[in-house]
Protein backbone atom coordinates (compact mmCIF):
# COMPACT_ATOMS: atom_id res chain seq x y z
CA MET A 1 197.45 131.69 -41.25
CA ILE A 2 195.70 128.23 -42.39
CA GLN A 3 192.78 128.62 -40.49
CA ALA A 4 192.48 131.82 -42.57
CA GLU A 5 193.20 130.15 -45.75
CA THR A 6 190.68 127.77 -45.33
CA ALA A 7 187.91 129.99 -44.27
CA SER A 8 188.61 131.94 -47.38
CA THR A 9 188.63 128.88 -49.54
CA LYS A 10 185.24 127.42 -47.73
CA ASP A 11 183.29 130.61 -48.09
CA GLN A 12 184.42 131.27 -51.81
CA VAL A 13 183.21 127.59 -52.29
CA THR A 14 180.22 128.54 -50.87
CA ASP A 15 179.74 130.96 -52.64
CA LEU A 16 180.26 129.59 -55.58
CA TYR A 17 177.52 126.59 -54.30
CA GLN A 18 175.37 129.37 -54.04
CA GLN A 19 175.85 131.11 -57.45
CA GLN A 20 175.20 127.64 -59.00
CA ARG A 21 172.26 126.74 -57.32
CA ASN A 22 170.36 130.22 -57.91
CA ASN A 23 171.74 129.41 -61.53
CA VAL A 24 169.45 126.20 -61.48
CA GLU A 25 166.47 127.22 -59.74
CA ILE A 26 166.45 129.89 -62.74
CA GLN A 27 166.69 127.26 -65.29
CA GLU A 28 164.26 125.62 -63.53
CA TYR A 29 161.86 128.33 -63.70
CA ARG A 30 162.40 129.32 -67.19
CA HIS A 31 161.81 125.93 -68.28
CA ARG A 32 158.63 125.34 -66.45
CA ILE A 33 156.80 128.71 -68.20
CA LEU A 34 158.17 127.55 -71.30
CA LEU A 35 155.94 124.18 -70.49
CA ARG A 36 153.03 126.24 -69.48
CA LEU A 37 153.01 127.90 -73.02
CA TRP A 38 153.81 124.81 -74.99
CA PHE A 39 151.17 123.34 -76.71
CA GLU A 40 150.93 120.22 -79.98
CA ASP A 41 150.63 122.54 -82.45
CA ILE A 42 152.32 125.41 -81.75
CA HIS A 43 154.39 126.17 -84.25
CA VAL A 44 151.34 125.50 -87.13
CA ARG A 45 150.74 128.61 -87.73
CA GLN A 46 153.81 129.74 -88.76
CA GLU A 47 154.45 126.54 -90.78
CA THR A 48 151.68 127.41 -92.87
CA ILE A 49 152.45 131.05 -93.83
CA HIS A 50 153.38 130.80 -97.44
CA GLU A 51 157.00 132.14 -98.45
CA ALA A 52 156.83 135.27 -99.91
CA HIS A 53 158.57 136.26 -103.10
CA GLY A 54 162.25 136.33 -103.07
CA SER A 55 162.41 139.98 -103.35
CA THR A 56 159.06 141.09 -101.86
CA PHE A 57 160.71 142.01 -98.30
CA GLN A 58 164.04 143.48 -99.01
CA TRP A 59 163.21 147.00 -98.43
CA ILE A 60 162.07 146.37 -94.61
CA PHE A 61 165.68 146.42 -93.58
CA THR A 62 167.07 149.02 -95.98
CA GLU A 63 167.01 152.48 -93.66
CA TYR A 64 165.70 155.50 -95.43
CA ALA A 65 166.37 158.59 -92.93
CA GLY A 66 163.28 160.01 -92.21
CA SER A 67 161.40 157.62 -95.16
CA SER A 68 157.66 158.28 -94.35
CA ARG A 69 157.47 154.47 -96.12
CA PRO A 70 155.72 151.44 -94.19
CA GLY A 71 158.19 149.48 -92.18
CA HIS A 72 161.43 151.40 -92.79
CA ASP A 73 161.52 151.96 -88.67
CA ILE A 74 162.38 148.49 -88.04
CA VAL A 75 165.97 148.43 -87.61
CA GLU A 76 165.92 151.75 -85.10
CA TRP A 77 163.37 149.28 -83.63
CA LEU A 78 165.22 146.63 -83.72
CA GLU A 79 168.52 148.40 -82.35
CA ARG A 80 167.02 150.91 -79.91
CA GLY A 81 163.28 150.54 -79.77
CA ARG A 82 160.87 149.89 -76.87
CA GLY A 83 157.49 147.98 -76.36
CA THR A 84 156.13 145.73 -78.95
CA TYR A 85 156.81 146.25 -82.87
CA TRP A 86 152.87 146.53 -83.84
CA ARG A 87 152.06 145.68 -87.69
CA SER A 88 148.39 146.52 -88.72
CA GLY A 89 146.54 146.24 -91.80
CA LYS A 90 143.41 144.83 -93.59
CA ALA A 91 143.40 140.81 -94.25
CA GLY A 92 145.41 139.17 -96.74
CA LEU A 93 147.87 141.96 -97.06
CA GLY A 94 150.83 140.25 -96.10
CA LYS A 95 151.44 141.16 -92.58
CA SER A 96 151.71 137.53 -91.73
CA ASN A 97 154.35 136.44 -93.92
CA LEU A 98 156.67 140.02 -93.35
CA MET A 99 156.65 138.95 -89.71
CA ASN A 100 158.16 135.31 -90.85
CA TYR A 101 160.69 137.01 -93.09
CA ILE A 102 161.57 139.42 -90.18
CA CYS A 103 161.97 136.28 -87.93
CA GLU A 104 163.77 134.32 -90.66
CA HIS A 105 166.10 136.77 -91.52
CA SER A 106 169.66 136.77 -91.17
CA GLN A 107 170.11 140.40 -90.17
CA LEU A 108 167.30 140.05 -87.02
CA ASP A 109 170.35 139.23 -84.57
CA THR A 110 172.89 141.58 -86.29
CA HIS A 111 170.11 144.43 -85.40
CA LEU A 112 168.79 143.34 -82.23
CA ARG A 113 173.04 142.83 -81.08
CA VAL A 114 173.49 146.83 -81.36
CA ARG A 115 170.48 146.88 -78.82
CA SER A 116 171.53 144.14 -76.42
CA GLY A 117 175.73 144.09 -76.39
CA SER A 118 177.00 141.15 -74.84
CA THR A 119 173.47 140.19 -73.22
CA GLN A 120 171.91 136.82 -74.44
CA ILE A 121 169.00 137.65 -77.30
CA LEU A 122 166.28 135.69 -76.37
CA SER A 123 163.31 135.86 -79.82
CA PRO A 124 160.18 134.29 -79.20
CA LYS A 125 157.52 134.51 -81.64
CA PHE A 126 154.13 133.19 -81.55
CA PHE A 127 151.75 133.74 -85.30
CA PHE A 128 148.58 134.01 -84.61
């Protein structure tokens, strides 16, 4: 009986050790990817975006069922969408300001949480 318990304990410890080792390998892999993506001026573009007037983009998180107003699909995309959310328009119309507003807004995580449930949310952003 003692031998059986010892073998069982050994198997459990071995499994836990392997899980921990796999987690460390995954973290190291993620770190290597991030290091390859990083460059010295990575935040410069976003930091140079001028902050919009206080209420300029408040409409973006307001849901209007069936609305054809541009941008009102963002909440649906955050909660249930797939692929890339794409905004296009002429230069100087405020696309970067809008995306910066969305990235910094407190409701972003709230809407993403609907889709992700208990899965960790990663929100990479890059402005160009």
